[in-house]
Protein backbone atom coordinates (compact mmCIF):
# COMPACT_ATOMS: atom_id res chain seq x y z
CA MET A 1 -38.11 48.11 -125.91
CA VAL A 2 -34.63 48.48 -124.53
CA GLU A 3 -31.85 50.86 -125.82
CA ASN A 4 -29.02 48.26 -125.81
CA PRO A 5 -29.12 44.93 -127.71
CA ASP A 6 -27.15 43.33 -125.00
CA VAL A 7 -29.89 44.15 -122.51
CA ALA A 8 -32.36 42.48 -124.97
CA ALA A 9 -30.21 39.39 -124.99
CA GLU A 10 -30.04 39.18 -121.33
CA LEU A 11 -33.89 39.32 -121.03
CA MET A 12 -34.31 36.34 -123.44
CA PRO A 13 -34.11 33.72 -120.57
CA ALA A 14 -36.97 35.68 -118.75
CA LEU A 15 -39.02 34.85 -121.83
CA ILE A 16 -38.01 31.28 -122.61
CA VAL A 17 -37.79 29.83 -119.28
CA PRO A 18 -41.46 30.42 -118.33
CA GLN A 19 -42.49 29.10 -121.77
CA LEU A 20 -40.79 25.78 -120.93
CA LEU A 21 -42.03 25.65 -117.59
CA PHE A 22 -45.63 26.36 -118.27
CA ALA A 23 -45.90 24.42 -121.52
CA GLY A 24 -45.68 21.07 -119.70
CA VAL A 25 -42.29 20.22 -121.34
CA PHE A 26 -40.55 19.33 -118.00
CA ILE A 27 -43.42 18.80 -115.68
CA GLN A 28 -47.03 18.01 -116.16
CA VAL A 29 -49.47 20.91 -116.24
CA ASN A 30 -51.58 19.40 -113.51
CA LEU A 31 -48.39 19.52 -111.27
CA ILE A 32 -48.08 23.30 -111.43
CA PRO A 33 -49.89 25.01 -108.53
CA GLU A 34 -53.47 26.12 -109.30
CA PHE A 35 -52.75 29.82 -108.76
CA LEU A 36 -50.01 29.79 -111.43
CA ARG A 37 -51.65 27.60 -114.07
CA TRP A 38 -53.28 30.68 -115.75
CA ALA A 39 -49.89 31.50 -117.08
CA GLN A 40 -49.78 28.51 -119.46
CA TYR A 41 -52.54 30.14 -121.59
CA LEU A 42 -50.05 33.17 -122.26
CA CYS A 43 -47.31 31.05 -123.60
CA SER A 44 -47.30 30.18 -127.34
CA LEU A 45 -45.16 27.13 -126.66
CA THR A 46 -48.05 25.57 -124.84
CA TYR A 47 -50.41 25.57 -127.97
CA ALA A 48 -47.53 24.54 -130.37
CA ILE A 49 -46.62 21.60 -128.24
CA ARG A 50 -50.22 20.51 -128.06
CA LEU A 51 -50.41 20.72 -131.78
CA VAL A 52 -47.39 18.62 -132.16
CA LEU A 53 -48.82 16.02 -129.66
CA LEU A 54 -52.04 15.71 -131.47
CA ASN A 55 -50.35 15.32 -134.81
CA GLU A 56 -48.06 12.68 -133.55
CA PHE A 57 -50.42 10.73 -130.98
CA SER A 58 -53.91 11.09 -132.03
CA GLU A 59 -53.99 8.19 -134.44
CA CYS A 60 -52.51 5.74 -131.79
CA ALA A 61 -54.65 7.14 -129.09
CA ASP A 62 -57.70 5.74 -130.91
CA GLU A 63 -56.35 2.29 -131.27
CA GLU A 64 -57.66 -0.31 -128.87
CA THR A 65 -55.10 -1.96 -126.55
CA LEU A 66 -55.33 -4.50 -123.84
CA GLY A 67 -53.96 -2.13 -121.03
CA PRO A 68 -53.89 1.62 -120.61
CA ASN A 69 -53.14 3.20 -123.95
CA PRO A 70 -49.82 5.20 -123.57
CA CYS A 71 -50.66 7.64 -126.39
CA GLU A 72 -53.90 8.48 -124.84
CA GLN A 73 -52.10 9.01 -121.44
CA THR A 74 -49.52 11.24 -123.06
CA LEU A 75 -52.31 13.44 -124.39
CA GLN A 76 -54.18 13.62 -121.21
CA TYR A 77 -51.10 14.42 -119.36
CA ALA A 78 -50.37 17.32 -121.62
CA GLY A 79 -53.97 18.67 -121.43
CA VAL A 80 -54.48 18.37 -125.13
CA ASP A 81 -58.06 17.51 -124.93
CA GLU A 82 -59.01 20.86 -123.49
CA MET A 83 -59.83 22.40 -126.83
CA PRO A 84 -60.35 21.29 -130.53
CA THR A 85 -57.26 21.49 -132.92
CA TYR A 86 -58.40 24.50 -134.71
CA ALA A 87 -58.54 26.47 -131.50
CA TYR A 88 -54.96 26.01 -131.04
CA TRP A 89 -54.15 27.33 -134.45
CA VAL A 90 -56.52 30.38 -134.00
CA ILE A 91 -54.78 31.17 -130.59
CA LEU A 92 -51.26 30.73 -131.93
CA PHE A 93 -52.07 33.21 -134.77
CA ALA A 94 -53.86 35.57 -132.40
CA ILE A 95 -50.74 35.63 -130.09
CA MET A 96 -48.64 36.25 -133.12
CA GLY A 97 -50.85 39.13 -134.15
CA VAL A 98 -50.68 40.63 -130.87
CA PHE A 99 -47.02 40.56 -130.56
CA ARG A 100 -46.57 42.03 -133.97
CA VAL A 101 -49.04 44.99 -133.20
CA VAL A 102 -47.17 45.61 -129.97
CA ALA A 103 -43.87 45.51 -131.70
CA ILE A 104 -45.07 48.02 -134.46
CA VAL A 105 -46.24 50.30 -131.59
CA MET A 106 -43.01 50.16 -129.52
CA LEU A 107 -40.98 50.66 -133.01
CA ARG A 108 -43.06 53.81 -133.70
CA LYS A 109 -42.46 55.15 -129.99
CA LYS A 110 -38.69 54.65 -130.55
CA ALA A 111 -38.76 56.27 -133.87
CA SER A 112 -40.47 59.46 -132.70
CA PHE A 113 -37.62 59.98 -130.21
């Protein structure tokens, strides 16, 4: 989308930092102000992290413990229980497809100039 590769490299933090903030890596999703929470659904890292958490902690979340189950709490804090596992995969592939189509359109526009 930009003419110079240096400009593209300078724009990378503008794409990566919101992904880290809204995916729940550094702070819990429920601590993000409500008027900004919608942005988490635009970030592919959100769905990838939720899939990893499901893969890692779903078995121990089902185990019975005497106190609060830490695996279950981890999944709850990350908001993993919002959708079934297959929905995360479908959304990840849909995001990938949308970005591929946008890239093709932008390359065609640049090639015509």
